Amino acid sequence: MWSRLKETLGQKRGLYSDLWHVVVVLAVCAIVLVFTPAPPYIVFMGGSIMVSVFILPKIRRVTGYIYSLLSWIFGTTAVLVMIVYAVKAAPPYIVGDNLVLIQVEVLPGINMKPITIFIFAFFLWFVFGLYTPSSIRRFEQMLPDIRRIMYSVAWLGVLASGFELVYHIVVWSAALSVQGLQNPDIIVNPWPWRSMTPINIVFASKLVVLVFVMSCFIIDYLKMIEAGERTLGRRE
């Protein structure tokens, strides 16, 4: 009992030491921000790199929770962006216009369209969600035939979204040549289906790119799972 308690306290002592290092890095970043003219986002990126390279690999008990936390944060961000700007939509309705025609300052000096924030947040939610220990364990326990079906479906997603990418580039270019050198964000595809509301081309194109990249990531992810199983099989 005493040996187990001592072992637990020793592990926690190491965890607290690593977390203290994180606090030190954050304090250094705060000092740099206060006493130098360095842009905040550069300081934030530098601090994040220092933490991820030198500290996080040592905190094995925390990294799984970090992936889950990041997944929840980015997933919530993506949902909130869509809800907020869907509520703000006003007639005449063009799908995606209110997510494309405005800019949001996400960091000092960095502006993004809401649709860009959405696709970045949605992709990071998707990626970090798959990298949580529970997700990796589920995919490793999945039947190989099921993984092969998912692999095939992912390639189908690449095929379908790849065509849509080419289609949107052609429509976008043709519309720009007709309207002249004006704002490319106002290009609209008026012929999606007969009964559908016209769709903003930038909005549709970014969603298609999101599907394309997610399909490619799933292919790579499944190959990673397969490679891990083969390596484990050789060791056994």
C-alpha atoms as a PDB file:
ATOM      1  CA  MET A   1       0.000   0.000   0.000  1.00  0.00           C
ATOM      2  CA  TRP A   2       2.741   2.447   1.028  1.00  0.00           C
ATOM      3  CA  SER A   3       4.795   1.590  -2.042  1.00  0.00           C
ATOM      4  CA  ARG A   4       1.799   2.200  -4.299  1.00  0.00           C
ATOM      5  CA  LEU A   5       1.095   5.537  -2.605  1.00  0.00           C
ATOM      6  CA  LYS A   6       4.736   6.530  -2.939  1.00  0.00           C
ATOM      7  CA  GLU A   7       4.725   5.601  -6.629  1.00  0.00           C
ATOM      8  CA  THR A   8       1.552   7.660  -7.232  1.00  0.00           C
ATOM      9  CA  LEU A   9       3.005  10.708  -5.472  1.00  0.00           C
ATOM     10  CA  GLY A  10       6.210  10.349  -7.463  1.00  0.00           C
ATOM     11  CA  GLN A  11       4.282  10.297 -10.740  1.00  0.00           C
ATOM     12  CA  LYS A  12       2.250  13.326  -9.709  1.00  0.00           C
ATOM     13  CA  ARG A  13       5.398  15.170  -8.690  1.00  0.00           C
ATOM     14  CA  GLY A  14       6.740  14.717 -12.218  1.00  0.00           C
ATOM     15  CA  LEU A  15       3.418  15.867 -13.668  1.00  0.00           C
ATOM     16  CA  TYR A  16       3.402  18.990 -11.505  1.00  0.00           C
ATOM     17  CA  SER A  17       6.989  19.706 -12.539  1.00  0.00           C
ATOM     18  CA  ASP A  18       6.065  19.552 -16.233  1.00  0.00           C
ATOM     19  CA  LEU A  19       2.993  21.722 -15.692  1.00  0.00           C
ATOM     20  CA  TRP A  20       5.193  24.229 -13.863  1.00  0.00           C
ATOM     21  CA  HIS A  21       7.355  24.392 -16.990  1.00  0.00           C
ATOM     22  CA  VAL A  22       4.236  25.283 -18.980  1.00  0.00           C
ATOM     23  CA  VAL A  23       3.527  28.118 -16.545  1.00  0.00           C
ATOM     24  CA  VAL A  24       7.090  29.387 -16.978  1.00  0.00           C
ATOM     25  CA  VAL A  25       6.737  29.412 -20.763  1.00  0.00           C
ATOM     26  CA  LEU A  26       3.458  31.340 -20.502  1.00  0.00           C
ATOM     27  CA  ALA A  27       5.068  33.831 -18.113  1.00  0.00           C
ATOM     28  CA  VAL A  28       7.967  34.392 -20.531  1.00  0.00           C
ATOM     29  CA  CYS A  29       5.490  34.976 -23.378  1.00  0.00           C
ATOM     30  CA  ALA A  30       3.609  37.494 -21.219  1.00  0.00           C
ATOM     31  CA  ILE A  31       6.846  39.370 -20.412  1.00  0.00           C
ATOM     32  CA  VAL A  32       7.792  39.473 -24.106  1.00  0.00           C
ATOM     33  CA  LEU A  33       4.346  40.868 -24.944  1.00  0.00           C
ATOM     34  CA  VAL A  34       4.558  43.562 -22.279  1.00  0.00           C
ATOM     35  CA  PHE A  35       8.104  44.798 -22.860  1.00  0.00           C
ATOM     36  CA  THR A  36       8.608  44.305 -26.623  1.00  0.00           C
ATOM     37  CA  PRO A  37       6.684  45.342 -29.759  1.00  0.00           C
ATOM     38  CA  ALA A  38       6.467  41.725 -30.935  1.00  0.00           C
ATOM     39  CA  PRO A  39       3.087  40.825 -32.544  1.00  0.00           C
ATOM     40  CA  PRO A  40       0.973  38.771 -30.111  1.00  0.00           C
ATOM     41  CA  TYR A  41       0.273  35.953 -32.544  1.00  0.00           C
ATOM     42  CA  ILE A  42       4.012  35.401 -33.149  1.00  0.00           C
ATOM     43  CA  VAL A  43       4.647  35.207 -29.394  1.00  0.00           C
ATOM     44  CA  PHE A  44       1.699  32.828 -29.002  1.00  0.00           C
ATOM     45  CA  MET A  45       2.981  30.600 -31.820  1.00  0.00           C
ATOM     46  CA  GLY A  46       6.507  30.582 -30.328  1.00  0.00           C
ATOM     47  CA  GLY A  47       5.185  29.649 -26.877  1.00  0.00           C
ATOM     48  CA  SER A  48       2.997  26.908 -28.349  1.00  0.00           C
ATOM     49  CA  ILE A  49       5.943  25.431 -30.246  1.00  0.00           C
ATOM     50  CA  MET A  50       8.126  25.463 -27.106  1.00  0.00           C
ATOM     51  CA  VAL A  51       5.432  23.738 -25.062  1.00  0.00           C
ATOM     52  CA  SER A  52       4.631  21.125 -27.720  1.00  0.00           C
ATOM     53  CA  VAL A  53       8.268  20.259 -28.490  1.00  0.00           C
ATOM     54  CA  PHE A  54       9.877  20.283 -25.044  1.00  0.00           C
ATOM     55  CA  ILE A  55       7.101  19.684 -22.526  1.00  0.00           C
ATOM     56  CA  LEU A  56       3.994  17.917 -23.835  1.00  0.00           C
ATOM     57  CA  PRO A  57       5.796  14.701 -24.897  1.00  0.00           C
ATOM     58  CA  LYS A  58       6.729  14.194 -21.222  1.00  0.00           C
ATOM     59  CA  ILE A  59       3.173  14.578 -19.927  1.00  0.00           C
ATOM     60  CA  ARG A  60       1.856  11.243 -21.098  1.00  0.00           C
ATOM     61  CA  ARG A  61      -1.164  11.264 -18.793  1.00  0.00           C
ATOM     62  CA  VAL A  62      -2.273  14.660 -20.057  1.00  0.00           C
ATOM     63  CA  THR A  63      -1.763  14.447 -23.824  1.00  0.00           C
ATOM     64  CA  GLY A  64      -4.892  12.332 -24.363  1.00  0.00           C
ATOM     65  CA  TYR A  65      -6.965  14.866 -22.483  1.00  0.00           C
ATOM     66  CA  ILE A  66      -5.348  17.675 -24.472  1.00  0.00           C
ATOM     67  CA  TYR A  67      -6.501  16.119 -27.755  1.00  0.00           C
ATOM     68  CA  SER A  68     -10.018  15.738 -26.368  1.00  0.00           C
ATOM     69  CA  LEU A  69     -10.047  19.306 -25.037  1.00  0.00           C
ATOM     70  CA  LEU A  70      -8.806  20.738 -28.335  1.00  0.00           C
ATOM     71  CA  SER A  71     -11.392  18.702 -30.221  1.00  0.00           C
ATOM     72  CA  TRP A  72     -14.195  20.070 -28.030  1.00  0.00           C
ATOM     73  CA  ILE A  73     -12.904  23.646 -28.306  1.00  0.00           C
ATOM     74  CA  PHE A  74     -12.633  23.649 -32.090  1.00  0.00           C
ATOM     75  CA  GLY A  75     -15.873  21.700 -32.546  1.00  0.00           C
ATOM     76  CA  THR A  76     -17.749  24.193 -30.377  1.00  0.00           C
ATOM     77  CA  THR A  77     -16.165  27.067 -32.301  1.00  0.00           C
ATOM     78  CA  ALA A  78     -17.277  25.619 -35.645  1.00  0.00           C
ATOM     79  CA  VAL A  79     -20.854  25.088 -34.439  1.00  0.00           C
ATOM     80  CA  LEU A  80     -21.078  28.568 -32.907  1.00  0.00           C
ATOM     81  CA  VAL A  81     -19.814  30.232 -36.087  1.00  0.00           C
ATOM     82  CA  MET A  82     -22.469  28.498 -38.159  1.00  0.00           C
ATOM     83  CA  ILE A  83     -25.259  29.236 -35.660  1.00  0.00           C
ATOM     84  CA  VAL A  84     -24.334  32.912 -35.211  1.00  0.00           C
ATOM     85  CA  TYR A  85     -24.140  33.680 -38.904  1.00  0.00           C
ATOM     86  CA  ALA A  86     -27.171  31.547 -39.792  1.00  0.00           C
ATOM     87  CA  VAL A  87     -29.207  33.648 -37.338  1.00  0.00           C
ATOM     88  CA  LYS A  88     -27.828  36.843 -38.874  1.00  0.00           C
ATOM     89  CA  ALA A  89     -28.868  35.853 -42.403  1.00  0.00           C
ATOM     90  CA  ALA A  90     -31.402  38.183 -43.967  1.00  0.00           C
ATOM     91  CA  PRO A  91     -33.259  38.231 -47.290  1.00  0.00           C
ATOM     92  CA  PRO A  92     -32.546  38.106 -50.168  1.00  0.00           C
ATOM     93  CA  TYR A  93     -31.089  34.747 -49.198  1.00  0.00           C
ATOM     94  CA  ILE A  94     -27.947  33.527 -50.929  1.00  0.00           C
ATOM     95  CA  VAL A  95     -26.472  30.509 -49.170  1.00  0.00           C
ATOM     96  CA  GLY A  96     -23.149  31.386 -47.568  1.00  0.00           C
ATOM     97  CA  ASP A  97     -23.124  35.099 -48.400  1.00  0.00           C
ATOM     98  CA  ASN A  98     -23.126  36.210 -44.767  1.00  0.00           C
ATOM     99  CA  LEU A  99     -20.165  33.887 -44.070  1.00  0.00           C
ATOM    100  CA  VAL A 100     -18.102  35.272 -46.956  1.00  0.00           C
ATOM    101  CA  LEU A 101     -18.783  38.992 -47.362  1.00  0.00           C
ATOM    102  CA  ILE A 102     -17.481  40.101 -43.952  1.00  0.00           C
ATOM    103  CA  GLN A 103     -14.122  39.890 -42.184  1.00  0.00           C
ATOM    104  CA  VAL A 104     -13.525  39.017 -38.523  1.00  0.00           C
ATOM    105  CA  GLU A 105     -10.333  40.006 -36.681  1.00  0.00           C
ATOM    106  CA  VAL A 106      -9.220  36.769 -35.049  1.00  0.00           C
ATOM    107  CA  LEU A 107      -5.838  38.139 -33.942  1.00  0.00           C
ATOM    108  CA  PRO A 108      -4.330  41.632 -34.170  1.00  0.00           C
ATOM    109  CA  GLY A 109      -3.590  42.219 -37.835  1.00  0.00           C
ATOM    110  CA  ILE A 110      -5.128  38.925 -38.973  1.00  0.00           C
ATOM    111  CA  ASN A 111      -8.635  38.974 -40.464  1.00  0.00           C
ATOM    112  CA  MET A 112     -10.586  35.954 -41.676  1.00  0.00           C
ATOM    113  CA  LYS A 113     -13.936  35.303 -43.242  1.00  0.00           C
ATOM    114  CA  PRO A 114     -16.326  33.403 -40.963  1.00  0.00           C
ATOM    115  CA  ILE A 115     -16.373  30.512 -43.445  1.00  0.00           C
ATOM    116  CA  THR A 116     -12.577  30.278 -43.160  1.00  0.00           C
ATOM    117  CA  ILE A 117     -12.815  30.171 -39.366  1.00  0.00           C
ATOM    118  CA  PHE A 118     -15.466  27.464 -39.699  1.00  0.00           C
ATOM    119  CA  ILE A 119     -13.478  25.170 -42.006  1.00  0.00           C
ATOM    120  CA  PHE A 120     -10.285  25.567 -39.942  1.00  0.00           C
ATOM    121  CA  ALA A 121     -12.140  24.867 -36.675  1.00  0.00           C
ATOM    122  CA  PHE A 122     -14.121  21.969 -38.184  1.00  0.00           C
ATOM    123  CA  PHE A 123     -11.001  20.341 -39.613  1.00  0.00           C
ATOM    124  CA  LEU A 124      -9.095  20.664 -36.325  1.00  0.00           C
ATOM    125  CA  TRP A 125     -12.096  19.259 -34.425  1.00  0.00           C
ATOM    126  CA  PHE A 126     -12.094  16.299 -36.809  1.00  0.00           C
ATOM    127  CA  VAL A 127      -8.319  15.713 -36.601  1.00  0.00           C
ATOM    128  CA  PHE A 128      -7.912  16.081 -32.840  1.00  0.00           C
ATOM    129  CA  GLY A 129     -10.991  13.924 -32.316  1.00  0.00           C
ATOM    130  CA  LEU A 130      -9.391  11.092 -34.289  1.00  0.00           C
ATOM    131  CA  TYR A 131      -6.117  11.439 -32.406  1.00  0.00           C
ATOM    132  CA  THR A 132      -7.640  10.955 -28.959  1.00  0.00           C
ATOM    133  CA  PRO A 133      -6.567   7.648 -27.369  1.00  0.00           C
ATOM    134  CA  SER A 134     -10.164   6.389 -27.328  1.00  0.00           C
ATOM    135  CA  SER A 135     -10.592   6.991 -31.083  1.00  0.00           C
ATOM    136  CA  ILE A 136      -7.307   5.308 -31.938  1.00  0.00           C
ATOM    137  CA  ARG A 137      -8.262   2.335 -29.736  1.00  0.00           C
ATOM    138  CA  ARG A 138     -11.659   2.005 -31.484  1.00  0.00           C
ATOM    139  CA  PHE A 139     -10.065   2.022 -34.937  1.00  0.00           C
ATOM    140  CA  GLU A 140      -7.454  -0.527 -33.852  1.00  0.00           C
ATOM    141  CA  GLN A 141     -10.211  -2.827 -32.545  1.00  0.00           C
ATOM    142  CA  MET A 142     -12.280  -2.407 -35.703  1.00  0.00           C
ATOM    143  CA  LEU A 143     -12.528  -5.352 -38.080  1.00  0.00           C
ATOM    144  CA  PRO A 144     -10.050  -5.048 -40.975  1.00  0.00           C
ATOM    145  CA  ASP A 145     -12.899  -5.426 -43.489  1.00  0.00           C
ATOM    146  CA  ILE A 146     -14.697  -2.430 -41.966  1.00  0.00           C
ATOM    147  CA  ARG A 147     -11.532  -0.353 -42.231  1.00  0.00           C
ATOM    148  CA  ARG A 148     -11.173  -1.362 -45.882  1.00  0.00           C
ATOM    149  CA  ILE A 149     -14.736  -0.215 -46.552  1.00  0.00           C
ATOM    150  CA  MET A 150     -13.976   3.124 -44.867  1.00  0.00           C
ATOM    151  CA  TYR A 151     -10.781   3.373 -46.907  1.00  0.00           C
ATOM    152  CA  SER A 152     -12.760   2.840 -50.121  1.00  0.00           C
ATOM    153  CA  VAL A 153     -15.414   5.378 -49.088  1.00  0.00           C
ATOM    154  CA  ALA A 154     -12.662   7.917 -48.301  1.00  0.00           C
ATOM    155  CA  TRP A 155     -11.265   7.493 -51.807  1.00  0.00           C
ATOM    156  CA  LEU A 156     -14.791   7.979 -53.127  1.00  0.00           C
ATOM    157  CA  GLY A 157     -14.890  11.260 -51.174  1.00  0.00           C
ATOM    158  CA  VAL A 158     -11.617  12.301 -52.830  1.00  0.00           C
ATOM    159  CA  LEU A 159     -13.061  11.463 -56.248  1.00  0.00           C
ATOM    160  CA  ALA A 160     -16.346  13.320 -55.725  1.00  0.00           C
ATOM    161  CA  SER A 161     -14.863  16.410 -54.051  1.00  0.00           C
ATOM    162  CA  GLY A 162     -12.003  16.515 -56.569  1.00  0.00           C
ATOM    163  CA  PHE A 163     -14.507  16.853 -59.400  1.00  0.00           C
ATOM    164  CA  GLU A 164     -16.397  19.540 -57.485  1.00  0.00           C
ATOM    165  CA  LEU A 165     -13.161  21.478 -57.032  1.00  0.00           C
ATOM    166  CA  VAL A 166     -12.607  21.544 -60.788  1.00  0.00           C
ATOM    167  CA  TYR A 167     -16.277  22.440 -61.364  1.00  0.00           C
ATOM    168  CA  HIS A 168     -16.188  25.376 -58.969  1.00  0.00           C
ATOM    169  CA  ILE A 169     -12.933  26.684 -60.438  1.00  0.00           C
ATOM    170  CA  VAL A 170     -14.496  26.650 -63.910  1.00  0.00           C
ATOM    171  CA  VAL A 171     -17.718  28.359 -62.772  1.00  0.00           C
ATOM    172  CA  TRP A 172     -15.793  30.928 -60.739  1.00  0.00           C
ATOM    173  CA  SER A 173     -13.456  31.760 -63.619  1.00  0.00           C
ATOM    174  CA  ALA A 174     -16.323  32.012 -66.118  1.00  0.00           C
ATOM    175  CA  ALA A 175     -18.337  34.294 -63.825  1.00  0.00           C
ATOM    176  CA  LEU A 176     -15.338  36.559 -63.231  1.00  0.00           C
ATOM    177  CA  SER A 177     -14.727  36.876 -66.958  1.00  0.00           C
ATOM    178  CA  VAL A 178     -18.369  37.894 -67.461  1.00  0.00           C
ATOM    179  CA  GLN A 179     -18.594  40.451 -64.632  1.00  0.00           C
ATOM    180  CA  GLY A 180     -15.092  41.866 -65.108  1.00  0.00           C
ATOM    181  CA  LEU A 181     -12.539  42.579 -62.397  1.00  0.00           C
ATOM    182  CA  GLN A 182     -14.898  43.015 -59.473  1.00  0.00           C
ATOM    183  CA  ASN A 183     -15.126  41.491 -56.019  1.00  0.00           C
ATOM    184  CA  PRO A 184     -14.665  37.691 -56.461  1.00  0.00           C
ATOM    185  CA  ASP A 185     -16.513  37.077 -53.174  1.00  0.00           C
ATOM    186  CA  ILE A 186     -19.880  38.058 -54.688  1.00  0.00           C
ATOM    187  CA  ILE A 187     -19.847  35.348 -57.375  1.00  0.00           C
ATOM    188  CA  VAL A 188     -22.991  33.222 -57.092  1.00  0.00           C
ATOM    189  CA  ASN A 189     -23.961  29.926 -58.685  1.00  0.00           C
ATOM    190  CA  PRO A 190     -27.670  30.386 -59.567  1.00  0.00           C
ATOM    191  CA  TRP A 191     -28.163  26.850 -60.873  1.00  0.00           C
ATOM    192  CA  PRO A 192     -27.530  24.339 -58.073  1.00  0.00           C
ATOM    193  CA  TRP A 193     -30.942  22.622 -58.362  1.00  0.00           C
ATOM    194  CA  ARG A 194     -34.265  23.898 -59.593  1.00  0.00           C
ATOM    195  CA  SER A 195     -35.798  24.620 -56.187  1.00  0.00           C
ATOM    196  CA  MET A 196     -32.592  25.573 -54.315  1.00  0.00           C
ATOM    197  CA  THR A 197     -31.491  28.997 -53.151  1.00  0.00           C
ATOM    198  CA  PRO A 198     -28.452  30.344 -55.082  1.00  0.00           C
ATOM    199  CA  ILE A 199     -25.104  29.491 -53.461  1.00  0.00           C
ATOM    200  CA  ASN A 200     -22.087  31.722 -52.974  1.00  0.00           C
ATOM    201  CA  ILE A 201     -19.183  30.171 -54.900  1.00  0.00           C
ATOM    202  CA  VAL A 202     -16.553  30.998 -52.262  1.00  0.00           C
ATOM    203  CA  PHE A 203     -18.689  29.357 -49.579  1.00  0.00           C
ATOM    204  CA  ALA A 204     -19.289  26.229 -51.654  1.00  0.00           C
ATOM    205  CA  SER A 205     -15.647  25.987 -52.772  1.00  0.00           C
ATOM    206  CA  LYS A 206     -14.297  26.163 -49.219  1.00  0.00           C
ATOM    207  CA  LEU A 207     -16.686  23.415 -48.089  1.00  0.00           C
ATOM    208  CA  VAL A 208     -15.618  21.229 -51.017  1.00  0.00           C
ATOM    209  CA  VAL A 209     -11.946  21.781 -50.138  1.00  0.00           C
ATOM    210  CA  LEU A 210     -12.776  20.799 -46.535  1.00  0.00           C
ATOM    211  CA  VAL A 211     -14.357  17.522 -47.694  1.00  0.00           C
ATOM    212  CA  PHE A 212     -11.411  16.830 -50.012  1.00  0.00           C
ATOM    213  CA  VAL A 213      -8.786  17.376 -47.286  1.00  0.00           C
ATOM    214  CA  MET A 214     -10.763  15.390 -44.691  1.00  0.00           C
ATOM    215  CA  SER A 215     -11.027  12.466 -47.127  1.00  0.00           C
ATOM    216  CA  CYS A 216      -7.270  12.584 -47.722  1.00  0.00           C
ATOM    217  CA  PHE A 217      -6.663  12.697 -43.971  1.00  0.00           C
ATOM    218  CA  ILE A 218      -8.891   9.657 -43.371  1.00  0.00           C
ATOM    219  CA  ILE A 219      -6.890   7.715 -45.977  1.00  0.00           C
ATOM    220  CA  ASP A 220      -3.621   8.601 -44.263  1.00  0.00           C
ATOM    221  CA  TYR A 221      -5.100   7.925 -40.812  1.00  0.00           C
ATOM    222  CA  LEU A 222      -6.284   4.430 -41.764  1.00  0.00           C
ATOM    223  CA  LYS A 223      -2.880   3.646 -43.254  1.00  0.00           C
ATOM    224  CA  MET A 224      -1.301   4.792 -39.986  1.00  0.00           C
ATOM    225  CA  ILE A 225      -3.560   2.420 -38.014  1.00  0.00           C
ATOM    226  CA  GLU A 226      -2.715  -0.468 -40.349  1.00  0.00           C
ATOM    227  CA  ALA A 227       1.025   0.253 -40.116  1.00  0.00           C
ATOM    228  CA  GLY A 228       0.808   0.349 -36.317  1.00  0.00           C
ATOM    229  CA  GLU A 229      -0.901  -3.038 -36.238  1.00  0.00           C
ATOM    230  CA  ARG A 230       1.696  -4.585 -38.539  1.00  0.00           C
ATOM    231  CA  THR A 231       4.513  -3.236 -36.365  1.00  0.00           C
ATOM    232  CA  LEU A 232       2.838  -4.602 -33.230  1.00  0.00           C
ATOM    233  CA  GLY A 233       2.355  -7.977 -34.937  1.00  0.00           C
ATOM    234  CA  ARG A 234       6.069  -8.212 -35.763  1.00  0.00           C
ATOM    235  CA  ARG A 235       7.037  -7.439 -32.169  1.00  0.00           C
ATOM    236  CA  GLU A 236       4.750 -10.180 -30.873  1.00  0.00           C
END
